[in-house]
N, C-alpha and C. Protein backbone atom coordinates (compact mmCIF):
# COMPACT_ATOMS: atom_id res chain seq x y z
N MET A 1 8.69 -18.55 10.38
CA MET A 1 8.11 -17.31 10.24
C MET A 1 7.69 -17.05 9.36
N PRO A 2 6.75 -16.64 8.83
CA PRO A 2 6.00 -16.79 7.98
C PRO A 2 6.37 -15.54 7.28
N THR A 3 6.80 -16.22 5.86
CA THR A 3 7.42 -15.33 4.41
C THR A 3 6.68 -14.19 3.68
N CYS A 4 7.50 -13.49 3.38
CA CYS A 4 6.55 -13.00 2.28
C CYS A 4 7.15 -12.54 0.88
N GLU A 5 6.88 -12.84 0.08
CA GLU A 5 7.54 -12.53 -1.51
C GLU A 5 7.03 -10.98 -1.81
N LEU A 6 7.58 -10.52 -2.75
CA LEU A 6 6.99 -9.39 -3.67
C LEU A 6 7.10 -10.03 -5.57
N SER A 7 6.66 -9.54 -5.46
CA SER A 7 6.25 -9.73 -7.14
C SER A 7 5.53 -8.63 -7.83
N GLN A 8 5.93 -7.97 -9.04
CA GLN A 8 5.63 -6.97 -9.63
C GLN A 8 4.65 -6.94 -10.23
N ILE A 9 3.00 -6.51 -10.04
CA ILE A 9 2.12 -6.34 -10.90
C ILE A 9 2.73 -5.65 -12.26
N ALA A 10 2.02 -6.55 -13.11
CA ALA A 10 1.63 -6.16 -14.51
C ALA A 10 0.61 -5.65 -15.29
N GLU A 11 1.26 -5.03 -16.11
CA GLU A 11 -0.45 -4.84 -17.20
C GLU A 11 -1.51 -5.75 -16.71
N SER A 12 -0.99 -7.41 -17.34
CA SER A 12 -1.74 -8.54 -17.62
C SER A 12 -2.18 -8.83 -16.25
N ASP A 13 -2.05 -8.11 -14.74
CA ASP A 13 -3.05 -8.54 -13.61
C ASP A 13 -3.66 -7.32 -13.32
N ILE A 14 -4.45 -6.41 -14.22
CA ILE A 14 -4.64 -5.45 -13.85
C ILE A 14 -6.39 -5.69 -13.01
N VAL A 15 -7.16 -6.85 -13.54
CA VAL A 15 -8.11 -7.84 -13.52
C VAL A 15 -7.81 -7.56 -12.03
N ASP A 16 -7.50 -8.73 -11.65
CA ASP A 16 -6.56 -8.81 -10.26
C ASP A 16 -6.85 -7.47 -9.02
N LEU A 17 -5.74 -7.01 -9.80
CA LEU A 17 -5.76 -5.82 -9.49
C LEU A 17 -6.77 -4.60 -9.08
N ARG A 18 -7.67 -4.68 -9.82
CA ARG A 18 -9.01 -3.94 -8.95
C ARG A 18 -9.70 -4.41 -8.37
N SER A 19 -9.83 -5.41 -8.28
CA SER A 19 -11.01 -6.92 -7.69
C SER A 19 -10.44 -6.63 -6.48
N MET A 20 -9.09 -6.48 -6.23
CA MET A 20 -8.82 -6.58 -4.89
C MET A 20 -8.36 -5.33 -3.99
N ALA A 21 -8.05 -3.90 -5.32
CA ALA A 21 -8.32 -2.56 -4.50
C ALA A 21 -9.50 -2.59 -4.31
N TYR A 22 -10.55 -2.89 -4.95
CA TYR A 22 -12.01 -2.70 -4.82
C TYR A 22 -11.77 -2.99 -3.40
N ARG A 23 -12.19 -4.15 -2.89
CA ARG A 23 -12.18 -5.10 -1.29
C ARG A 23 -11.69 -3.85 -0.47
N TYR A 24 -10.20 -3.44 -0.67
CA TYR A 24 -10.05 -2.83 0.00
C TYR A 24 -10.50 -1.34 -0.11
N TRP A 25 -11.08 -0.79 -0.88
CA TRP A 25 -11.37 0.61 -0.87
C TRP A 25 -12.67 0.09 0.01
N GLU A 26 -13.06 -0.63 0.25
CA GLU A 26 -14.83 -1.61 0.35
C GLU A 26 -14.39 -1.16 1.92
N GLY A 27 -13.23 -1.74 2.37
CA GLY A 27 -13.51 -1.89 3.70
C GLY A 27 -12.36 -0.28 4.18
N LEU A 28 -11.71 0.00 3.50
CA LEU A 28 -11.01 1.63 4.31
C LEU A 28 -12.17 2.71 4.14
N MET A 29 -12.97 2.95 2.59
CA MET A 29 -14.03 4.12 3.20
C MET A 29 -15.47 4.13 2.48
N PRO A 30 -16.11 3.22 2.98
CA PRO A 30 -17.39 2.50 2.97
C PRO A 30 -18.39 3.11 2.29
N ASP A 31 -18.15 4.45 2.75
CA ASP A 31 -19.08 4.92 2.35
C ASP A 31 -18.85 6.50 1.73
N ALA A 32 -17.47 6.32 0.93
CA ALA A 32 -17.19 7.31 0.48
C ALA A 32 -17.38 7.33 -1.04
N LEU A 33 -17.62 8.27 -1.80
CA LEU A 33 -18.66 8.78 -3.10
C LEU A 33 -17.76 8.13 -3.85
N VAL A 34 -16.23 8.18 -4.39
CA VAL A 34 -15.96 6.86 -5.18
C VAL A 34 -16.10 5.10 -4.83
N ILE A 35 -16.61 5.23 -3.60
CA ILE A 35 -16.74 3.98 -3.84
C ILE A 35 -18.14 3.25 -3.97
N GLN A 36 -19.70 4.70 -3.50
CA GLN A 36 -20.69 4.01 -3.87
C GLN A 36 -21.35 4.28 -5.23
N ASP A 37 -20.17 5.62 -6.61
CA ASP A 37 -20.30 5.06 -7.52
C ASP A 37 -19.66 4.78 -8.36
N PRO A 38 -19.84 3.38 -9.17
CA PRO A 38 -18.90 2.53 -10.17
C PRO A 38 -18.30 3.77 -10.92
N GLU A 39 -18.68 4.47 -11.51
CA GLU A 39 -18.04 5.68 -12.11
C GLU A 39 -17.06 6.38 -12.05
N ARG A 40 -16.84 6.71 -11.05
CA ARG A 40 -16.11 7.56 -10.27
C ARG A 40 -15.11 6.57 -9.78
N ARG A 41 -15.00 5.63 -9.20
CA ARG A 41 -14.44 4.44 -8.61
C ARG A 41 -13.77 4.15 -9.44
N ALA A 42 -14.32 3.85 -11.27
CA ALA A 42 -13.26 3.27 -11.82
C ALA A 42 -11.87 4.42 -12.31
N VAL A 43 -12.54 5.56 -12.38
CA VAL A 43 -11.96 6.39 -12.91
C VAL A 43 -10.73 6.77 -11.88
N TYR A 44 -11.15 6.95 -10.37
CA TYR A 44 -9.76 6.51 -9.33
C TYR A 44 -9.04 5.33 -9.57
N PHE A 45 -9.55 4.74 -9.73
CA PHE A 45 -8.56 3.47 -10.05
C PHE A 45 -7.73 3.75 -10.85
N ASP A 46 -7.92 4.18 -12.25
CA ASP A 46 -6.82 4.53 -13.05
C ASP A 46 -6.22 5.44 -12.45
N SER A 47 -6.52 6.17 -12.28
CA SER A 47 -5.77 7.64 -11.98
C SER A 47 -5.20 6.94 -11.26
N HIS A 48 -5.25 6.41 -10.09
CA HIS A 48 -4.43 5.43 -8.96
C HIS A 48 -3.13 4.71 -9.25
N PHE A 49 -3.53 3.80 -10.14
CA PHE A 49 -2.43 2.74 -10.40
C PHE A 49 -2.14 3.31 -12.14
N ARG A 50 -1.31 3.65 -11.96
CA ARG A 50 -0.82 3.96 -13.31
C ARG A 50 0.53 2.89 -12.99
N LEU A 51 1.03 1.85 -13.74
CA LEU A 51 1.58 1.25 -14.00
C LEU A 51 2.65 1.12 -15.22
N GLY A 52 3.78 1.23 -14.42
CA GLY A 52 4.92 1.07 -14.91
C GLY A 52 5.38 2.32 -15.79
N ASP A 53 4.76 3.96 -14.95
CA ASP A 53 4.99 5.45 -14.85
C ASP A 53 6.28 5.73 -14.79
N GLY A 54 7.18 4.63 -13.74
CA GLY A 54 8.18 4.75 -13.44
C GLY A 54 8.50 5.83 -12.03
N GLN A 55 6.97 6.09 -11.53
CA GLN A 55 7.08 7.53 -10.24
C GLN A 55 6.11 6.31 -9.03
N SER A 56 5.70 5.44 -9.72
CA SER A 56 5.72 4.37 -8.22
C SER A 56 5.48 2.71 -8.61
N ILE A 57 5.69 2.03 -7.77
CA ILE A 57 5.90 0.91 -8.11
C ILE A 57 4.96 0.06 -7.62
N CYS A 58 4.21 -0.94 -7.57
CA CYS A 58 2.87 -1.66 -7.22
C CYS A 58 3.20 -2.94 -7.07
N TRP A 59 3.33 -3.95 -6.30
CA TRP A 59 3.63 -5.12 -6.02
C TRP A 59 2.38 -5.97 -5.38
N TRP A 60 2.54 -7.26 -5.69
CA TRP A 60 2.02 -8.24 -5.19
C TRP A 60 2.73 -8.40 -3.64
N LEU A 61 1.83 -8.94 -2.75
CA LEU A 61 2.45 -9.25 -1.52
C LEU A 61 2.00 -11.21 -1.48
N VAL A 62 3.05 -11.90 -2.21
CA VAL A 62 3.08 -12.99 -2.39
C VAL A 62 3.41 -14.20 -0.81
N ALA A 63 2.00 -14.81 -0.45
CA ALA A 63 2.15 -15.83 0.52
C ALA A 63 2.05 -16.94 0.32
N ASP A 64 2.65 -18.60 -0.41
CA ASP A 64 2.24 -19.65 -0.19
C ASP A 64 2.09 -19.71 -1.82
N ASN A 65 2.94 -18.52 -2.44
CA ASN A 65 2.56 -19.14 -3.87
C ASN A 65 1.37 -18.10 -4.24
N ALA A 66 0.31 -17.71 -3.71
CA ALA A 66 -0.71 -17.14 -3.48
C ALA A 66 -0.74 -15.36 -3.25
N ARG A 67 -1.43 -14.71 -4.10
CA ARG A 67 -1.85 -13.39 -3.93
C ARG A 67 -2.49 -12.95 -2.69
N ALA A 68 -1.55 -12.54 -1.47
CA ALA A 68 -2.21 -12.25 -0.65
C ALA A 68 -2.90 -10.98 -0.01
N GLY A 69 -2.29 -9.95 -1.18
CA GLY A 69 -2.70 -8.82 -0.82
C GLY A 69 -1.81 -8.02 -1.90
N PHE A 70 -1.34 -6.65 -1.85
CA PHE A 70 -0.90 -5.73 -2.50
C PHE A 70 -0.36 -4.15 -1.84
N ALA A 71 0.99 -4.02 -2.33
CA ALA A 71 1.14 -2.76 -2.02
C ALA A 71 1.40 -1.68 -3.09
N LYS A 72 1.15 -0.93 -3.25
CA LYS A 72 1.59 0.84 -4.21
C LYS A 72 2.47 1.58 -3.03
N VAL A 73 3.57 1.69 -3.95
CA VAL A 73 4.87 2.97 -3.23
C VAL A 73 4.95 3.99 -4.41
N ASP A 74 4.73 5.36 -3.85
CA ASP A 74 5.34 6.22 -4.89
C ASP A 74 6.96 6.53 -4.10
N LEU A 75 7.61 7.08 -6.11
CA LEU A 75 9.23 7.61 -5.85
C LEU A 75 9.17 9.03 -5.25
N TRP A 76 9.72 9.70 -4.87
CA TRP A 76 10.65 10.94 -4.80
C TRP A 76 12.09 11.31 -4.59
N GLU A 77 11.92 12.46 -5.26
CA GLU A 77 13.05 13.04 -4.70
C GLU A 77 12.98 14.20 -4.23
N ASN A 78 13.90 14.38 -3.31
CA ASN A 78 14.26 15.70 -2.77
C ASN A 78 15.92 16.25 -2.60
N HIS A 79 16.06 17.72 -2.10
CA HIS A 79 17.09 18.07 -1.34
C HIS A 79 18.10 17.09 -0.56
N ASP A 80 17.50 15.88 -0.29
CA ASP A 80 17.99 14.46 0.75
C ASP A 80 18.08 13.23 0.40
N GLY A 81 17.64 13.34 -1.47
CA GLY A 81 17.62 12.21 -2.01
C GLY A 81 16.30 11.73 -2.29
N MET A 82 16.83 9.73 -2.51
CA MET A 82 15.53 9.27 -3.37
C MET A 82 14.63 9.05 -1.66
N GLY A 83 13.41 9.30 -2.03
CA GLY A 83 12.42 8.89 -0.49
C GLY A 83 11.09 7.63 -1.58
N ALA A 84 10.21 7.46 -0.79
CA ALA A 84 9.12 6.81 -1.09
C ALA A 84 8.01 6.81 -0.10
N THR A 85 6.79 6.75 -0.59
CA THR A 85 5.39 7.06 0.09
C THR A 85 4.99 5.67 -0.12
N ILE A 86 4.79 4.69 0.95
CA ILE A 86 3.49 3.89 0.44
C ILE A 86 2.41 4.24 0.66
N ARG A 87 1.61 4.22 -0.21
CA ARG A 87 0.10 5.24 -0.88
C ARG A 87 -0.67 4.06 0.06
N ASP A 88 -0.37 2.73 -0.31
CA ASP A 88 -1.43 1.76 -0.07
C ASP A 88 -0.75 -0.27 0.23
N PHE A 89 -1.40 -0.60 1.02
CA PHE A 89 -0.71 -1.62 1.92
C PHE A 89 -1.97 -2.39 2.33
N PHE A 90 -2.46 -3.96 1.72
CA PHE A 90 -3.36 -4.64 1.86
C PHE A 90 -3.22 -5.40 1.80
N LEU A 91 -3.57 -6.43 3.01
CA LEU A 91 -3.37 -7.74 3.41
C LEU A 91 -5.34 -8.44 3.28
N ASP A 92 -5.06 -9.39 1.91
CA ASP A 92 -6.77 -9.45 2.36
C ASP A 92 -7.19 -10.76 3.67
N HIS A 93 -8.03 -10.99 3.85
CA HIS A 93 -8.43 -11.41 5.50
C HIS A 93 -7.87 -12.59 6.02
N PRO A 94 -8.02 -13.44 5.41
CA PRO A 94 -7.22 -15.28 5.71
C PRO A 94 -6.03 -14.58 5.75
N TYR A 95 -5.30 -13.73 4.81
CA TYR A 95 -3.66 -13.31 5.23
C TYR A 95 -3.07 -13.11 6.34
N ARG A 96 -4.26 -12.23 7.70
CA ARG A 96 -3.83 -11.36 8.42
C ARG A 96 -3.59 -12.48 9.65
N ARG A 97 -2.74 -11.50 10.63
CA ARG A 97 -2.41 -11.98 11.94
C ARG A 97 -1.62 -13.18 12.29
N GLN A 98 -0.94 -13.05 10.57
CA GLN A 98 0.04 -14.09 10.71
C GLN A 98 1.44 -13.76 10.68
N GLY A 99 1.67 -13.11 10.60
CA GLY A 99 3.38 -12.18 10.27
C GLY A 99 3.48 -12.17 8.91
N ILE A 100 2.64 -12.41 7.96
CA ILE A 100 2.95 -11.52 6.52
C ILE A 100 2.94 -10.80 6.26
N GLY A 101 1.98 -10.10 6.83
CA GLY A 101 2.56 -8.52 6.90
C GLY A 101 3.21 -7.99 6.97
N GLN A 102 3.79 -7.88 8.52
CA GLN A 102 4.97 -7.58 8.80
C GLN A 102 6.23 -8.21 8.01
N ALA A 103 6.43 -9.57 7.45
CA ALA A 103 6.96 -10.03 6.69
C ALA A 103 7.36 -9.32 4.81
N GLY A 104 6.42 -8.91 4.69
CA GLY A 104 5.90 -7.96 3.52
C GLY A 104 6.35 -6.41 3.81
N ALA A 105 6.15 -5.93 4.68
CA ALA A 105 6.41 -4.66 5.21
C ALA A 105 8.01 -4.60 5.08
N HIS A 106 8.44 -5.28 6.01
CA HIS A 106 10.32 -5.88 5.60
C HIS A 106 10.76 -5.56 4.50
N ARG A 107 10.10 -6.79 3.78
CA ARG A 107 10.78 -7.18 2.00
C ARG A 107 10.47 -5.57 1.22
N ILE A 108 9.42 -5.04 1.70
CA ILE A 108 9.60 -3.62 0.65
C ILE A 108 10.80 -2.41 1.09
N VAL A 109 10.32 -2.39 2.79
CA VAL A 109 11.91 -1.79 3.35
C VAL A 109 13.43 -1.69 2.66
N GLY A 110 13.23 -3.34 2.19
CA GLY A 110 14.69 -3.71 2.18
C GLY A 110 14.90 -3.02 0.42
N ALA A 111 13.40 -3.55 -0.15
CA ALA A 111 14.03 -3.47 -1.82
C ALA A 111 13.86 -2.05 -2.21
N LEU A 112 13.44 -1.06 -1.06
CA LEU A 112 13.53 0.61 -1.30
C LEU A 112 14.79 0.71 -0.97
N LYS A 113 15.37 0.20 -0.07
CA LYS A 113 17.06 0.54 0.57
C LYS A 113 17.56 -0.09 -0.88
N VAL A 114 17.67 -0.92 -1.56
CA VAL A 114 18.32 -1.46 -2.47
C VAL A 114 18.33 -0.05 -4.24
N ARG A 115 17.24 -0.19 -3.77
CA ARG A 115 17.40 1.28 -4.65
C ARG A 115 17.59 2.66 -4.40
N GLY A 116 18.21 2.78 -2.95
CA GLY A 116 18.59 3.89 -2.99
C GLY A 116 17.78 5.04 -2.00
N VAL A 117 16.82 4.62 -1.93
CA VAL A 117 15.32 5.43 -0.99
C VAL A 117 15.90 5.63 0.39
N HIS A 118 15.93 6.68 0.82
CA HIS A 118 16.91 6.99 2.63
C HIS A 118 15.76 7.30 2.96
N ARG A 119 14.32 7.11 3.11
CA ARG A 119 13.08 7.44 4.05
C ARG A 119 11.86 7.53 3.17
N ILE A 120 11.08 6.91 4.31
CA ILE A 120 9.71 5.76 3.75
C ILE A 120 8.73 6.52 4.43
N ASP A 121 7.77 7.74 3.77
CA ASP A 121 6.23 8.18 4.78
C ASP A 121 5.24 7.18 4.12
N LEU A 122 4.09 7.48 4.95
CA LEU A 122 3.25 6.80 5.29
C LEU A 122 2.21 6.99 5.83
N ASN A 123 0.85 7.03 5.78
CA ASN A 123 -0.45 7.76 6.23
C ASN A 123 -1.41 6.38 6.97
N VAL A 124 -1.59 6.97 8.22
CA VAL A 124 -2.32 5.87 8.63
C VAL A 124 -3.72 6.94 9.42
N ARG A 125 -4.30 6.29 9.16
CA ARG A 125 -5.83 7.14 8.99
C ARG A 125 -6.06 7.56 10.94
N ALA A 126 -6.69 8.44 11.20
CA ALA A 126 -6.48 8.45 12.91
C ALA A 126 -7.44 7.51 13.65
N ASP A 127 -8.38 6.88 12.99
CA ASP A 127 -9.21 5.92 13.78
C ASP A 127 -8.77 4.60 13.00
N ASN A 128 -7.35 4.19 13.08
CA ASN A 128 -7.00 2.94 12.40
C ASN A 128 -5.97 2.40 13.61
N PRO A 129 -5.82 2.60 14.83
CA PRO A 129 -5.03 2.16 15.97
C PRO A 129 -4.44 0.92 15.52
N VAL A 130 -5.13 -0.09 14.73
CA VAL A 130 -4.60 -1.40 14.67
C VAL A 130 -3.72 -1.13 13.76
N ALA A 131 -3.56 0.04 12.74
CA ALA A 131 -2.61 -0.20 11.26
C ALA A 131 -1.42 0.73 11.98
N LEU A 132 -1.74 1.80 13.07
CA LEU A 132 -0.41 2.32 13.78
C LEU A 132 0.24 1.30 14.19
N ALA A 133 -0.41 0.29 14.82
CA ALA A 133 0.48 -0.41 15.90
C ALA A 133 1.19 -1.49 15.38
N PHE A 134 0.77 -1.70 13.43
CA PHE A 134 1.24 -2.68 12.61
C PHE A 134 2.40 -1.98 12.10
N TRP A 135 2.32 -0.76 11.84
CA TRP A 135 3.59 -0.09 11.18
C TRP A 135 4.97 0.33 12.54
N GLY A 136 4.17 0.67 13.71
CA GLY A 136 5.29 1.00 14.63
C GLY A 136 5.91 -0.60 14.65
N SER A 137 5.33 -1.98 14.71
CA SER A 137 6.11 -3.06 14.94
C SER A 137 6.85 -3.28 14.08
N VAL A 138 7.46 -2.29 13.08
CA VAL A 138 7.73 -2.10 12.02
C VAL A 138 8.80 -1.88 11.62
N GLY A 139 8.71 -0.86 12.74
CA GLY A 139 9.91 0.15 12.39
C GLY A 139 9.73 1.16 12.79
N PHE A 140 8.35 1.98 12.11
CA PHE A 140 8.07 3.05 11.65
C PHE A 140 7.67 4.02 12.61
N GLU A 141 7.56 5.55 12.94
CA GLU A 141 7.52 6.22 13.92
C GLU A 141 6.66 7.10 13.95
N LEU A 142 6.03 8.05 14.43
CA LEU A 142 5.16 8.83 14.19
C LEU A 142 5.93 10.29 13.65
N SER A 143 5.58 10.91 12.64
CA SER A 143 6.51 12.21 12.39
C SER A 143 5.64 13.17 11.93
N LEU A 144 4.71 13.30 11.99
CA LEU A 144 3.56 14.41 12.12
C LEU A 144 2.39 14.16 12.46
N TYR A 145 1.38 15.08 12.62
CA TYR A 145 0.03 15.16 12.80
C TYR A 145 -0.80 15.79 11.68
N GLN A 146 -1.33 15.07 10.80
CA GLN A 146 -1.99 16.47 9.65
C GLN A 146 -3.72 16.69 9.67
N LEU A 147 -3.63 17.64 10.37
CA LEU A 147 -5.70 18.16 10.52
C LEU A 147 -6.19 17.85 9.31
N ARG A 148 -7.35 17.99 9.53
CA ARG A 148 -8.11 18.30 7.96
C ARG A 148 -9.59 18.54 8.61
N ARG A 149 -9.83 19.57 8.09
CA ARG A 149 -11.89 20.26 8.14
C ARG A 149 -12.51 20.23 7.09
N TYR A 150 -13.94 19.14 6.86
CA TYR A 150 -14.23 19.32 5.60
C TYR A 150 -15.24 20.56 5.87
N ILE A 151 -15.53 21.20 4.90
CA ILE A 151 -16.37 22.63 4.73
C ILE A 151 -17.95 22.56 4.37
């Protein structure tokens, strides 16, 4: 069975994270203004990845001693206790379809459980049935539909 380790992303890794995040976003939302405009993209990156802020965790997904991808998780608390939202989960193409993503997802769930998290949320785009099937395969269930209208 493939393995995947988590390694916390440090400030010194920011250049590598930026490069991988840009590849992720180009595949996820290639026509978005934030991708097309380099200045907006840089501002979005800086606001999205606030390493060390205590409200989010960024991990490298490490397979065979290589950075295969990354995950960003935001932490929160409500009346039920600690929770988390997986905001980003990216695995570079050469590492896909090998079980590394599933291993990484299980590692994240385990790491969050140790931190006292009782619930993990995430969003999957409606046009991404592969991601929906992936998250279902690691124990996540559909809990709501979110509708959107651009005007």
